[in-house]
Amino acid sequence: MSKGLAFEDLAVPLRTLRLLAADFGCLPAPEVRLSTIYPNRVELALFGDLAEFEAWREALGAAPEDVNYRVQGDGRTQVLRTTIAYSGAELELIGYSDIHALAQAEATA
C-alpha cells in the first residue's frame, strides 16, 4: 500500500510521463493516472475513439496480439487494454468506446 510512500517514490512513473510527453506529444491526450498503490505504473486511458488507442499502441510498439478485448456496462462499452514496459515503468494503455456509437458509424460508412 501507500503507507510511508514519499512523493519521490513516484519518480519512475513521473519520469516516464515526462518522456511520453516529449516523445509522443502529437498523439491524442489521454487521461493519466498515477497511483500510490502501484507506484511504478502509469495508466493512459482514452475515451470515445479506439483509433486513438491504436495510435498510441502503434507508437509504443505494443503488439496487437497483446491487446485484451472485453465488453462492460451491460454490453454498451468495449474496452481495449494492453500493458508494456516503458522507461522503467509499467505502462497500461486502455481504450474505451461506446459500442452503440461504433455500430452507427459502421452503418453509415
C-alpha atoms as a PDB file:
ATOM      1  CA  MET A   1       0.000   0.000   0.000  1.00  0.00           C
ATOM      2  CA  SER A   2       0.970   3.632   0.054  1.00  0.00           C
ATOM      3  CA  LYS A   3       1.756   3.910   3.760  1.00  0.00           C
ATOM      4  CA  GLY A   4       5.047   5.719   4.143  1.00  0.00           C
ATOM      5  CA  LEU A   5       5.340   6.448   0.424  1.00  0.00           C
ATOM      6  CA  ALA A   6       7.004   9.764  -0.361  1.00  0.00           C
ATOM      7  CA  PHE A   7       6.400  11.830  -3.482  1.00  0.00           C
ATOM      8  CA  GLU A   8       9.922  10.993  -4.635  1.00  0.00           C
ATOM      9  CA  ASP A   9       8.866   7.339  -4.680  1.00  0.00           C
ATOM     10  CA  LEU A  10       6.807   8.231  -7.757  1.00  0.00           C
ATOM     11  CA  ALA A  11       9.937   9.320  -9.639  1.00  0.00           C
ATOM     12  CA  VAL A  12       9.817   6.421 -12.116  1.00  0.00           C
ATOM     13  CA  PRO A  13       6.249   6.988 -13.353  1.00  0.00           C
ATOM     14  CA  LEU A  14       6.733  10.771 -13.315  1.00  0.00           C
ATOM     15  CA  ARG A  15       9.881  10.438 -15.423  1.00  0.00           C
ATOM     16  CA  THR A  16       8.012   8.086 -17.740  1.00  0.00           C
ATOM     17  CA  LEU A  17       5.199  10.591 -18.111  1.00  0.00           C
ATOM     18  CA  ARG A  18       7.719  13.313 -18.950  1.00  0.00           C
ATOM     19  CA  LEU A  19       9.291  11.109 -21.643  1.00  0.00           C
ATOM     20  CA  LEU A  20       5.892  10.216 -23.080  1.00  0.00           C
ATOM     21  CA  ALA A  21       5.022  13.906 -23.373  1.00  0.00           C
ATOM     22  CA  ALA A  22       8.332  14.641 -25.097  1.00  0.00           C
ATOM     23  CA  ASP A  23       8.305  11.620 -27.418  1.00  0.00           C
ATOM     24  CA  PHE A  24       4.599  11.451 -28.270  1.00  0.00           C
ATOM     25  CA  GLY A  25       3.330  14.980 -27.726  1.00  0.00           C
ATOM     26  CA  CYS A  26       1.491  14.950 -31.057  1.00  0.00           C
ATOM     27  CA  LEU A  27      -0.698  11.967 -30.091  1.00  0.00           C
ATOM     28  CA  PRO A  28      -4.185  12.426 -28.618  1.00  0.00           C
ATOM     29  CA  ALA A  29      -4.090  13.473 -24.972  1.00  0.00           C
ATOM     30  CA  PRO A  30      -5.082  10.606 -22.666  1.00  0.00           C
ATOM     31  CA  GLU A  31      -6.384  10.692 -19.143  1.00  0.00           C
ATOM     32  CA  VAL A  32      -3.339   9.994 -16.976  1.00  0.00           C
ATOM     33  CA  ARG A  33      -3.364   8.167 -13.680  1.00  0.00           C
ATOM     34  CA  LEU A  34      -0.555   7.546 -11.227  1.00  0.00           C
ATOM     35  CA  SER A  35      -1.222   5.524  -8.111  1.00  0.00           C
ATOM     36  CA  THR A  36       0.454   5.219  -4.745  1.00  0.00           C
ATOM     37  CA  ILE A  37      -0.890   1.675  -4.609  1.00  0.00           C
ATOM     38  CA  TYR A  38       1.052   0.743  -7.786  1.00  0.00           C
ATOM     39  CA  PRO A  39       3.889   3.278  -7.651  1.00  0.00           C
ATOM     40  CA  ASN A  40       5.669   2.037 -10.798  1.00  0.00           C
ATOM     41  CA  ARG A  41       2.608   2.146 -13.056  1.00  0.00           C
ATOM     42  CA  VAL A  42       1.387   4.817 -15.447  1.00  0.00           C
ATOM     43  CA  GLU A  43      -2.134   4.427 -16.800  1.00  0.00           C
ATOM     44  CA  LEU A  44      -3.149   6.135 -20.017  1.00  0.00           C
ATOM     45  CA  ALA A  45      -6.875   5.981 -20.800  1.00  0.00           C
ATOM     46  CA  LEU A  46      -8.547   7.147 -23.990  1.00  0.00           C
ATOM     47  CA  PHE A  47     -12.296   7.548 -24.308  1.00  0.00           C
ATOM     48  CA  GLY A  48     -14.609   7.520 -27.298  1.00  0.00           C
ATOM     49  CA  ASP A  49     -12.407   6.625 -30.259  1.00  0.00           C
ATOM     50  CA  LEU A  50     -10.448   3.389 -30.455  1.00  0.00           C
ATOM     51  CA  ALA A  51      -8.385   4.871 -33.281  1.00  0.00           C
ATOM     52  CA  GLU A  52      -6.700   6.996 -30.609  1.00  0.00           C
ATOM     53  CA  PHE A  53      -5.903   3.833 -28.648  1.00  0.00           C
ATOM     54  CA  GLU A  54      -4.453   2.287 -31.812  1.00  0.00           C
ATOM     55  CA  ALA A  55      -2.296   5.348 -32.482  1.00  0.00           C
ATOM     56  CA  TRP A  56      -0.798   5.044 -29.002  1.00  0.00           C
ATOM     57  CA  ARG A  57      -0.432   1.261 -29.275  1.00  0.00           C
ATOM     58  CA  GLU A  58       1.472   1.558 -32.536  1.00  0.00           C
ATOM     59  CA  ALA A  59       3.667   4.414 -31.287  1.00  0.00           C
ATOM     60  CA  LEU A  60       4.578   2.427 -28.172  1.00  0.00           C
ATOM     61  CA  GLY A  61       5.278  -0.726 -30.171  1.00  0.00           C
ATOM     62  CA  ALA A  62       2.736  -2.860 -28.316  1.00  0.00           C
ATOM     63  CA  ALA A  63       1.903  -5.989 -30.308  1.00  0.00           C
ATOM     64  CA  PRO A  64      -1.724  -6.321 -31.477  1.00  0.00           C
ATOM     65  CA  GLU A  65      -1.870  -9.848 -30.058  1.00  0.00           C
ATOM     66  CA  ASP A  66      -1.088  -8.457 -26.600  1.00  0.00           C
ATOM     67  CA  VAL A  67      -4.243  -6.324 -26.580  1.00  0.00           C
ATOM     68  CA  ASN A  68      -7.102  -7.685 -24.491  1.00  0.00           C
ATOM     69  CA  TYR A  69     -10.685  -7.000 -25.537  1.00  0.00           C
ATOM     70  CA  ARG A  70     -13.728  -7.038 -23.296  1.00  0.00           C
ATOM     71  CA  VAL A  71     -17.192  -5.575 -23.060  1.00  0.00           C
ATOM     72  CA  GLN A  72     -18.575  -3.895 -19.954  1.00  0.00           C
ATOM     73  CA  GLY A  73     -21.507  -1.752 -18.916  1.00  0.00           C
ATOM     74  CA  ASP A  74     -24.187  -4.297 -19.878  1.00  0.00           C
ATOM     75  CA  GLY A  75     -22.752  -4.562 -23.379  1.00  0.00           C
ATOM     76  CA  ARG A  76     -22.599  -0.814 -24.013  1.00  0.00           C
ATOM     77  CA  THR A  77     -18.841  -0.225 -23.775  1.00  0.00           C
ATOM     78  CA  GLN A  78     -15.953  -2.032 -25.413  1.00  0.00           C
ATOM     79  CA  VAL A  79     -12.539  -1.883 -23.781  1.00  0.00           C
ATOM     80  CA  LEU A  80      -9.087  -2.484 -25.230  1.00  0.00           C
ATOM     81  CA  ARG A  81      -6.202  -2.878 -22.782  1.00  0.00           C
ATOM     82  CA  THR A  82      -2.520  -3.638 -23.028  1.00  0.00           C
ATOM     83  CA  THR A  83       0.442  -3.329 -20.690  1.00  0.00           C
ATOM     84  CA  ILE A  84       4.044  -2.753 -21.704  1.00  0.00           C
ATOM     85  CA  ALA A  85       7.308  -1.860 -20.030  1.00  0.00           C
ATOM     86  CA  TYR A  86       8.390   1.679 -20.870  1.00  0.00           C
ATOM     87  CA  SER A  87      11.270   3.633 -19.370  1.00  0.00           C
ATOM     88  CA  GLY A  88      11.351   1.502 -16.236  1.00  0.00           C
ATOM     89  CA  ALA A  89       7.625   1.759 -15.578  1.00  0.00           C
ATOM     90  CA  GLU A  90       4.663  -0.471 -16.242  1.00  0.00           C
ATOM     91  CA  LEU A  91       2.581   1.406 -18.801  1.00  0.00           C
ATOM     92  CA  GLU A  92      -1.068   0.426 -19.035  1.00  0.00           C
ATOM     93  CA  LEU A  93      -2.891   1.671 -22.134  1.00  0.00           C
ATOM     94  CA  ILE A  94      -6.697   1.491 -22.090  1.00  0.00           C
ATOM     95  CA  GLY A  95      -9.230   2.474 -24.737  1.00  0.00           C
ATOM     96  CA  TYR A  96     -12.969   2.812 -24.088  1.00  0.00           C
ATOM     97  CA  SER A  97     -15.589   3.149 -26.797  1.00  0.00           C
ATOM     98  CA  ASP A  98     -19.356   3.172 -26.841  1.00  0.00           C
ATOM     99  CA  ILE A  99     -20.480   0.120 -28.828  1.00  0.00           C
ATOM    100  CA  HIS A 100     -23.656   1.859 -29.991  1.00  0.00           C
ATOM    101  CA  ALA A 101     -21.725   4.800 -31.454  1.00  0.00           C
ATOM    102  CA  LEU A 102     -19.353   2.417 -33.229  1.00  0.00           C
ATOM    103  CA  ALA A 103     -22.232   0.446 -34.748  1.00  0.00           C
ATOM    104  CA  GLN A 104     -23.828   3.669 -36.018  1.00  0.00           C
ATOM    105  CA  ALA A 105     -20.560   4.820 -37.585  1.00  0.00           C
ATOM    106  CA  GLU A 106     -20.116   1.488 -39.363  1.00  0.00           C
ATOM    107  CA  ALA A 107     -23.705   1.528 -40.620  1.00  0.00           C
ATOM    108  CA  THR A 108     -23.240   4.928 -42.258  1.00  0.00           C
ATOM    109  CA  ALA A 109     -19.820   4.083 -43.750  1.00  0.00           C
END
